[in-house]
PDB file of all heavy atoms in Angstrom:
ATOM      1  N   MET A   1      -7.014  11.291  -2.227  1.00  0.00           N
ATOM      2  CA  MET A   1      -6.326  11.687  -3.454  1.00  0.00           C
ATOM      3  C   MET A   1      -7.186  12.607  -4.319  1.00  0.00           C
ATOM      4  O   MET A   1      -6.669  13.294  -5.184  1.00  0.00           O
ATOM      5  CB  MET A   1      -5.893  10.453  -4.252  1.00  0.00           C
ATOM      6  CG  MET A   1      -4.791   9.695  -3.565  1.00  0.00           C
ATOM      7  SD  MET A   1      -4.012   8.385  -4.532  1.00  0.00           S
ATOM      8  CE  MET A   1      -5.252   7.751  -5.590  1.00  0.00           C
ATOM      9  N   ALA A   2      -8.496  12.661  -4.084  1.00  0.00           N
ATOM     10  CA  ALA A   2      -9.372  13.553  -4.842  1.00  0.00           C
ATOM     11  C   ALA A   2      -9.396  14.961  -4.270  1.00  0.00           C
ATOM     12  O   ALA A   2      -9.818  15.903  -4.936  1.00  0.00           O
ATOM     13  CB  ALA A   2     -10.793  12.985  -4.877  1.00  0.00           C
ATOM     14  N   ASP A   3      -8.923  15.147  -3.028  1.00  0.00           N
ATOM     15  CA  ASP A   3      -8.928  16.460  -2.380  1.00  0.00           C
ATOM     16  C   ASP A   3      -7.722  17.278  -2.816  1.00  0.00           C
ATOM     17  O   ASP A   3      -6.641  16.735  -3.068  1.00  0.00           O
ATOM     18  CB  ASP A   3      -8.878  16.302  -0.852  1.00  0.00           C
ATOM     19  CG  ASP A   3     -10.109  15.607  -0.304  1.00  0.00           C
ATOM     20  OD1 ASP A   3     -11.210  15.841  -0.830  1.00  0.00           O
ATOM     21  OD2 ASP A   3      -9.949  14.820   0.656  1.00  0.00           O
ATOM     22  N   VAL A   4      -7.904  18.592  -2.864  1.00  0.00           N
ATOM     23  CA  VAL A   4      -6.763  19.471  -3.105  1.00  0.00           C
ATOM     24  C   VAL A   4      -5.757  19.240  -1.986  1.00  0.00           C
ATOM     25  O   VAL A   4      -6.115  19.208  -0.815  1.00  0.00           O
ATOM     26  CB  VAL A   4      -7.208  20.951  -3.148  1.00  0.00           C
ATOM     27  CG1 VAL A   4      -6.006  21.872  -3.228  1.00  0.00           C
ATOM     28  CG2 VAL A   4      -8.152  21.184  -4.322  1.00  0.00           C
ATOM     29  N   GLY A   5      -4.520  19.025  -2.339  1.00  0.00           N
ATOM     30  CA  GLY A   5      -3.494  18.690  -1.357  1.00  0.00           C
ATOM     31  C   GLY A   5      -3.398  17.200  -1.093  1.00  0.00           C
ATOM     32  O   GLY A   5      -2.512  16.762  -0.371  1.00  0.00           O
ATOM     33  N   GLY A   6      -4.295  16.428  -1.681  1.00  0.00           N
ATOM     34  CA  GLY A   6      -4.234  14.976  -1.530  1.00  0.00           C
ATOM     35  C   GLY A   6      -2.993  14.439  -2.231  1.00  0.00           C
ATOM     36  O   GLY A   6      -2.471  15.045  -3.157  1.00  0.00           O
ATOM     37  N   GLN A   7      -2.532  13.311  -1.771  1.00  0.00           N
ATOM     38  CA  GLN A   7      -1.311  12.735  -2.329  1.00  0.00           C
ATOM     39  C   GLN A   7      -1.283  11.253  -2.017  1.00  0.00           C
ATOM     40  O   GLN A   7      -2.136  10.755  -1.305  1.00  0.00           O
ATOM     41  CB  GLN A   7      -0.068  13.413  -1.748  1.00  0.00           C
ATOM     42  CG  GLN A   7       0.343  12.960  -0.365  1.00  0.00           C
ATOM     43  CD  GLN A   7      -0.607  13.273   0.767  1.00  0.00           C
ATOM     44  OE1 GLN A   7      -1.148  14.362   0.790  1.00  0.00           O
ATOM     45  NE2 GLN A   7      -0.817  12.356   1.677  1.00  0.00           N
ATOM     46  N   HIS A   8      -0.303  10.594  -2.567  1.00  0.00           N
ATOM     47  CA  HIS A   8      -0.006   9.233  -2.140  1.00  0.00           C
ATOM     48  C   HIS A   8       1.477   9.006  -2.359  1.00  0.00           C
ATOM     49  O   HIS A   8       2.128   9.730  -3.099  1.00  0.00           O
ATOM     50  CB  HIS A   8      -0.863   8.188  -2.863  1.00  0.00           C
ATOM     51  CG  HIS A   8      -0.452   7.904  -4.261  1.00  0.00           C
ATOM     52  ND1 HIS A   8      -0.803   8.715  -5.320  1.00  0.00           N
ATOM     53  CD2 HIS A   8       0.280   6.899  -4.789  1.00  0.00           C
ATOM     54  CE1 HIS A   8      -0.306   8.219  -6.438  1.00  0.00           C
ATOM     55  NE2 HIS A   8       0.368   7.115  -6.152  1.00  0.00           N
ATOM     56  N   LEU A   9       1.985   8.013  -1.699  1.00  0.00           N
ATOM     57  CA  LEU A   9       3.387   7.657  -1.786  1.00  0.00           C
ATOM     58  C   LEU A   9       3.455   6.216  -2.236  1.00  0.00           C
ATOM     59  O   LEU A   9       2.791   5.360  -1.658  1.00  0.00           O
ATOM     60  CB  LEU A   9       4.036   7.830  -0.404  1.00  0.00           C
ATOM     61  CG  LEU A   9       5.514   7.535  -0.274  1.00  0.00           C
ATOM     62  CD1 LEU A   9       6.324   8.507  -1.115  1.00  0.00           C
ATOM     63  CD2 LEU A   9       5.934   7.617   1.177  1.00  0.00           C
ATOM     64  N   ALA A  10       4.218   5.932  -3.296  1.00  0.00           N
ATOM     65  CA  ALA A  10       4.288   4.585  -3.848  1.00  0.00           C
ATOM     66  C   ALA A  10       5.623   3.941  -3.499  1.00  0.00           C
ATOM     67  O   ALA A  10       6.673   4.554  -3.648  1.00  0.00           O
ATOM     68  CB  ALA A  10       4.112   4.626  -5.367  1.00  0.00           C
ATOM     69  N   PHE A  11       5.552   2.694  -3.056  1.00  0.00           N
ATOM     70  CA  PHE A  11       6.731   1.903  -2.723  1.00  0.00           C
ATOM     71  C   PHE A  11       6.896   0.810  -3.770  1.00  0.00           C
ATOM     72  O   PHE A  11       5.977   0.024  -3.994  1.00  0.00           O
ATOM     73  CB  PHE A  11       6.583   1.254  -1.342  1.00  0.00           C
ATOM     74  CG  PHE A  11       6.466   2.243  -0.221  1.00  0.00           C
ATOM     75  CD1 PHE A  11       5.229   2.617   0.259  1.00  0.00           C
ATOM     76  CD2 PHE A  11       7.599   2.797   0.347  1.00  0.00           C
ATOM     77  CE1 PHE A  11       5.111   3.523   1.291  1.00  0.00           C
ATOM     78  CE2 PHE A  11       7.498   3.704   1.381  1.00  0.00           C
ATOM     79  CZ  PHE A  11       6.252   4.067   1.854  1.00  0.00           C
ATOM     80  N   TYR A  12       8.069   0.742  -4.385  1.00  0.00           N
ATOM     81  CA  TYR A  12       8.344  -0.315  -5.338  1.00  0.00           C
ATOM     82  C   TYR A  12       8.704  -1.580  -4.574  1.00  0.00           C
ATOM     83  O   TYR A  12       9.496  -1.539  -3.627  1.00  0.00           O
ATOM     84  CB  TYR A  12       9.500   0.047  -6.276  1.00  0.00           C
ATOM     85  CG  TYR A  12       9.732  -1.049  -7.293  1.00  0.00           C
ATOM     86  CD1 TYR A  12       9.003  -1.083  -8.461  1.00  0.00           C
ATOM     87  CD2 TYR A  12      10.614  -2.089  -7.026  1.00  0.00           C
ATOM     88  CE1 TYR A  12       9.168  -2.119  -9.368  1.00  0.00           C
ATOM     89  CE2 TYR A  12      10.783  -3.134  -7.916  1.00  0.00           C
ATOM     90  CZ  TYR A  12      10.054  -3.145  -9.087  1.00  0.00           C
ATOM     91  OH  TYR A  12      10.202  -4.180  -9.970  1.00  0.00           O
ATOM     92  N   VAL A  13       8.135  -2.714  -5.002  1.00  0.00           N
ATOM     93  CA  VAL A  13       8.461  -4.015  -4.420  1.00  0.00           C
ATOM     94  C   VAL A  13       8.732  -5.002  -5.544  1.00  0.00           C
ATOM     95  O   VAL A  13       8.175  -4.884  -6.637  1.00  0.00           O
ATOM     96  CB  VAL A  13       7.337  -4.545  -3.498  1.00  0.00           C
ATOM     97  CG1 VAL A  13       7.183  -3.657  -2.262  1.00  0.00           C
ATOM     98  CG2 VAL A  13       6.011  -4.672  -4.231  1.00  0.00           C
ATOM     99  N   ASP A  14       9.589  -5.974  -5.275  1.00  0.00           N
ATOM    100  CA  ASP A  14       9.892  -7.000  -6.279  1.00  0.00           C
ATOM    101  C   ASP A  14       8.746  -7.991  -6.445  1.00  0.00           C
ATOM    102  O   ASP A  14       8.475  -8.450  -7.552  1.00  0.00           O
ATOM    103  CB  ASP A  14      11.170  -7.755  -5.904  1.00  0.00           C
ATOM    104  CG  ASP A  14      12.402  -6.868  -5.988  1.00  0.00           C
ATOM    105  OD1 ASP A  14      12.453  -5.990  -6.872  1.00  0.00           O
ATOM    106  OD2 ASP A  14      13.321  -7.067  -5.169  1.00  0.00           O
ATOM    107  N   ASP A  15       8.086  -8.332  -5.338  1.00  0.00           N
ATOM    108  CA  ASP A  15       7.024  -9.339  -5.359  1.00  0.00           C
ATOM    109  C   ASP A  15       5.799  -8.742  -4.678  1.00  0.00           C
ATOM    110  O   ASP A  15       5.713  -8.706  -3.444  1.00  0.00           O
ATOM    111  CB  ASP A  15       7.503 -10.601  -4.638  1.00  0.00           C
ATOM    112  CG  ASP A  15       6.492 -11.726  -4.653  1.00  0.00           C
ATOM    113  OD1 ASP A  15       5.269 -11.469  -4.801  1.00  0.00           O
ATOM    114  OD2 ASP A  15       6.926 -12.882  -4.497  1.00  0.00           O
ATOM    115  N   ILE A  16       4.862  -8.277  -5.472  1.00  0.00           N
ATOM    116  CA  ILE A  16       3.706  -7.570  -4.913  1.00  0.00           C
ATOM    117  C   ILE A  16       2.816  -8.491  -4.081  1.00  0.00           C
ATOM    118  O   ILE A  16       2.270  -8.078  -3.065  1.00  0.00           O
ATOM    119  CB  ILE A  16       2.913  -6.833  -6.017  1.00  0.00           C
ATOM    120  CG1 ILE A  16       2.034  -5.754  -5.385  1.00  0.00           C
ATOM    121  CG2 ILE A  16       2.149  -7.794  -6.903  1.00  0.00           C
ATOM    122  CD1 ILE A  16       1.548  -4.707  -6.353  1.00  0.00           C
ATOM    123  N   ASP A  17       2.699  -9.769  -4.466  1.00  0.00           N
ATOM    124  CA  ASP A  17       1.880 -10.701  -3.687  1.00  0.00           C
ATOM    125  C   ASP A  17       2.466 -10.916  -2.300  1.00  0.00           C
ATOM    126  O   ASP A  17       1.739 -10.911  -1.298  1.00  0.00           O
ATOM    127  CB  ASP A  17       1.736 -12.034  -4.424  1.00  0.00           C
ATOM    128  CG  ASP A  17       0.947 -11.885  -5.729  1.00  0.00           C
ATOM    129  OD1 ASP A  17      -0.038 -11.125  -5.745  1.00  0.00           O
ATOM    130  OD2 ASP A  17       1.337 -12.525  -6.715  1.00  0.00           O
ATOM    131  N   ALA A  18       3.768 -11.082  -2.217  1.00  0.00           N
ATOM    132  CA  ALA A  18       4.423 -11.250  -0.920  1.00  0.00           C
ATOM    133  C   ALA A  18       4.296  -9.980  -0.080  1.00  0.00           C
ATOM    134  O   ALA A  18       4.086 -10.049   1.138  1.00  0.00           O
ATOM    135  CB  ALA A  18       5.892 -11.625  -1.105  1.00  0.00           C
ATOM    136  N   ALA A  19       4.398  -8.815  -0.722  1.00  0.00           N
ATOM    137  CA  ALA A  19       4.288  -7.549   0.005  1.00  0.00           C
ATOM    138  C   ALA A  19       2.871  -7.343   0.544  1.00  0.00           C
ATOM    139  O   ALA A  19       2.688  -6.912   1.685  1.00  0.00           O
ATOM    140  CB  ALA A  19       4.704  -6.388  -0.891  1.00  0.00           C
ATOM    141  N   VAL A  20       1.857  -7.665  -0.251  1.00  0.00           N
ATOM    142  CA  VAL A  20       0.470  -7.556   0.210  1.00  0.00           C
ATOM    143  C   VAL A  20       0.239  -8.508   1.380  1.00  0.00           C
ATOM    144  O   VAL A  20      -0.371  -8.135   2.392  1.00  0.00           O
ATOM    145  CB  VAL A  20      -0.525  -7.827  -0.941  1.00  0.00           C
ATOM    146  CG1 VAL A  20      -1.945  -8.019  -0.411  1.00  0.00           C
ATOM    147  CG2 VAL A  20      -0.476  -6.686  -1.956  1.00  0.00           C
ATOM    148  N   ALA A  21       0.721  -9.738   1.275  1.00  0.00           N
ATOM    149  CA  ALA A  21       0.569 -10.705   2.375  1.00  0.00           C
ATOM    150  C   ALA A  21       1.231 -10.181   3.642  1.00  0.00           C
ATOM    151  O   ALA A  21       0.688 -10.329   4.752  1.00  0.00           O
ATOM    152  CB  ALA A  21       1.155 -12.057   1.971  1.00  0.00           C
ATOM    153  N   HIS A  22       2.393  -9.550   3.514  1.00  0.00           N
ATOM    154  CA  HIS A  22       3.091  -8.963   4.658  1.00  0.00           C
ATOM    155  C   HIS A  22       2.240  -7.874   5.305  1.00  0.00           C
ATOM    156  O   HIS A  22       2.092  -7.830   6.539  1.00  0.00           O
ATOM    157  CB  HIS A  22       4.440  -8.403   4.196  1.00  0.00           C
ATOM    158  CG  HIS A  22       5.171  -7.638   5.245  1.00  0.00           C
ATOM    159  ND1 HIS A  22       5.948  -8.243   6.201  1.00  0.00           N
ATOM    160  CD2 HIS A  22       5.238  -6.299   5.482  1.00  0.00           C
ATOM    161  CE1 HIS A  22       6.469  -7.325   6.992  1.00  0.00           C
ATOM    162  NE2 HIS A  22       6.057  -6.137   6.583  1.00  0.00           N
ATOM    163  N   LEU A  23       1.676  -6.980   4.483  1.00  0.00           N
ATOM    164  CA  LEU A  23       0.818  -5.920   5.020  1.00  0.00           C
ATOM    165  C   LEU A  23      -0.378  -6.521   5.750  1.00  0.00           C
ATOM    166  O   LEU A  23      -0.727  -6.076   6.850  1.00  0.00           O
ATOM    167  CB  LEU A  23       0.336  -4.999   3.900  1.00  0.00           C
ATOM    168  CG  LEU A  23       1.389  -4.144   3.208  1.00  0.00           C
ATOM    169  CD1 LEU A  23       0.759  -3.346   2.077  1.00  0.00           C
ATOM    170  CD2 LEU A  23       2.101  -3.226   4.192  1.00  0.00           C
ATOM    171  N   GLU A  24      -0.991  -7.515   5.152  1.00  0.00           N
ATOM    172  CA  GLU A  24      -2.164  -8.131   5.768  1.00  0.00           C
ATOM    173  C   GLU A  24      -1.810  -8.814   7.083  1.00  0.00           C
ATOM    174  O   GLU A  24      -2.596  -8.770   8.035  1.00  0.00           O
ATOM    175  CB  GLU A  24      -2.820  -9.103   4.786  1.00  0.00           C
ATOM    176  CG  GLU A  24      -3.487  -8.361   3.634  1.00  0.00           C
ATOM    177  CD  GLU A  24      -4.005  -9.267   2.524  1.00  0.00           C
ATOM    178  OE1 GLU A  24      -3.550 -10.440   2.426  1.00  0.00           O
ATOM    179  OE2 GLU A  24      -4.846  -8.791   1.736  1.00  0.00           O
ATOM    180  N   ARG A  25      -0.631  -9.414   7.183  1.00  0.00           N
ATOM    181  CA  ARG A  25      -0.196 -10.028   8.459  1.00  0.00           C
ATOM    182  C   ARG A  25      -0.018  -8.973   9.547  1.00  0.00           C
ATOM    183  O   ARG A  25      -0.099  -9.271  10.737  1.00  0.00           O
ATOM    184  CB  ARG A  25       1.114 -10.793   8.268  1.00  0.00           C
ATOM    185  CG  ARG A  25       0.949 -12.163   7.660  1.00  0.00           C
ATOM    186  CD  ARG A  25       2.206 -13.011   7.776  1.00  0.00           C
ATOM    187  NE  ARG A  25       3.401 -12.389   7.232  1.00  0.00           N
ATOM    188  CZ  ARG A  25       3.764 -12.412   5.938  1.00  0.00           C
ATOM    189  NH1 ARG A  25       3.012 -13.036   5.052  1.00  0.00           N
ATOM    190  NH2 ARG A  25       4.866 -11.834   5.548  1.00  0.00           N
ATOM    191  N   HIS A  26       0.234  -7.731   9.125  1.00  0.00           N
ATOM    192  CA  HIS A  26       0.385  -6.634  10.080  1.00  0.00           C
ATOM    193  C   HIS A  26      -0.906  -5.823  10.232  1.00  0.00           C
ATOM    194  O   HIS A  26      -0.879  -4.695  10.728  1.00  0.00           O
ATOM    195  CB  HIS A  26       1.537  -5.718   9.647  1.00  0.00           C
ATOM    196  CG  HIS A  26       2.875  -6.315   9.913  1.00  0.00           C
ATOM    197  ND1 HIS A  26       3.512  -7.149   9.026  1.00  0.00           N
ATOM    198  CD2 HIS A  26       3.693  -6.226  10.990  1.00  0.00           C
ATOM    199  CE1 HIS A  26       4.670  -7.534   9.525  1.00  0.00           C
ATOM    200  NE2 HIS A  26       4.799  -6.994  10.725  1.00  0.00           N
ATOM    201  N   ASP A  27      -2.017  -6.407   9.785  1.00  0.00           N
ATOM    202  CA  ASP A  27      -3.343  -5.777   9.918  1.00  0.00           C
ATOM    203  C   ASP A  27      -3.435  -4.412   9.244  1.00  0.00           C
ATOM    204  O   ASP A  27      -4.162  -3.524   9.696  1.00  0.00           O
ATOM    205  CB  ASP A  27      -3.760  -5.663  11.394  1.00  0.00           C
ATOM    206  CG  ASP A  27      -3.910  -7.026  12.043  1.00  0.00           C
ATOM    207  OD1 ASP A  27      -4.422  -7.939  11.370  1.00  0.00           O
ATOM    208  OD2 ASP A  27      -3.490  -7.170  13.206  1.00  0.00           O
ATOM    209  N   VAL A  28      -2.710  -4.241   8.156  1.00  0.00           N
ATOM    210  CA  VAL A  28      -2.781  -3.014   7.368  1.00  0.00           C
ATOM    211  C   VAL A  28      -3.962  -3.128   6.420  1.00  0.00           C
ATOM    212  O   VAL A  28      -4.187  -4.184   5.807  1.00  0.00           O
ATOM    213  CB  VAL A  28      -1.471  -2.792   6.582  1.00  0.00           C
ATOM    214  CG1 VAL A  28      -1.581  -1.615   5.632  1.00  0.00           C
ATOM    215  CG2 VAL A  28      -0.312  -2.594   7.559  1.00  0.00           C
ATOM    216  N   ARG A  29      -4.726  -2.070   6.303  1.00  0.00           N
ATOM    217  CA  ARG A  29      -5.888  -2.074   5.401  1.00  0.00           C
ATOM    218  C   ARG A  29      -5.432  -1.933   3.951  1.00  0.00           C
ATOM    219  O   ARG A  29      -4.973  -0.864   3.532  1.00  0.00           O
ATOM    220  CB  ARG A  29      -6.853  -0.959   5.761  1.00  0.00           C
ATOM    221  CG  ARG A  29      -8.095  -0.980   4.909  1.00  0.00           C
ATOM    222  CD  ARG A  29      -9.130   0.017   5.356  1.00  0.00           C
ATOM    223  NE  ARG A  29     -10.160   0.115   4.343  1.00  0.00           N
ATOM    224  CZ  ARG A  29     -10.868   1.192   4.119  1.00  0.00           C
ATOM    225  NH1 ARG A  29     -10.680   2.271   4.843  1.00  0.00           N
ATOM    226  NH2 ARG A  29     -11.769   1.204   3.171  1.00  0.00           N
ATOM    227  N   VAL A  30      -5.549  -3.006   3.196  1.00  0.00           N
ATOM    228  CA  VAL A  30      -5.235  -3.016   1.771  1.00  0.00           C
ATOM    229  C   VAL A  30      -6.539  -2.740   1.032  1.00  0.00           C
ATOM    230  O   VAL A  30      -7.569  -3.365   1.326  1.00  0.00           O
ATOM    231  CB  VAL A  30      -4.622  -4.369   1.339  1.00  0.00           C
ATOM    232  CG1 VAL A  30      -4.353  -4.398  -0.154  1.00  0.00           C
ATOM    233  CG2 VAL A  30      -3.333  -4.621   2.134  1.00  0.00           C
ATOM    234  N   LEU A  31      -6.510  -1.816   0.087  1.00  0.00           N
ATOM    235  CA  LEU A  31      -7.716  -1.393  -0.622  1.00  0.00           C
ATOM    236  C   LEU A  31      -7.929  -2.256  -1.865  1.00  0.00           C
ATOM    237  O   LEU A  31      -7.384  -1.991  -2.927  1.00  0.00           O
ATOM    238  CB  LEU A  31      -7.625   0.087  -1.003  1.00  0.00           C
ATOM    239  CG  LEU A  31      -7.372   1.043   0.164  1.00  0.00           C
ATOM    240  CD1 LEU A  31      -7.219   2.469  -0.323  1.00  0.00           C
ATOM    241  CD2 LEU A  31      -8.495   0.940   1.191  1.00  0.00           C
TER     242      LEU A  31
END
């Protein structure tokens, strides 16, 4: 995101704790 052309895409979720747990169950790197 600090590079020119850097970006991010944000997903709205109703329950952020449940969404983070879901990502972690799928071995997604949460920062």
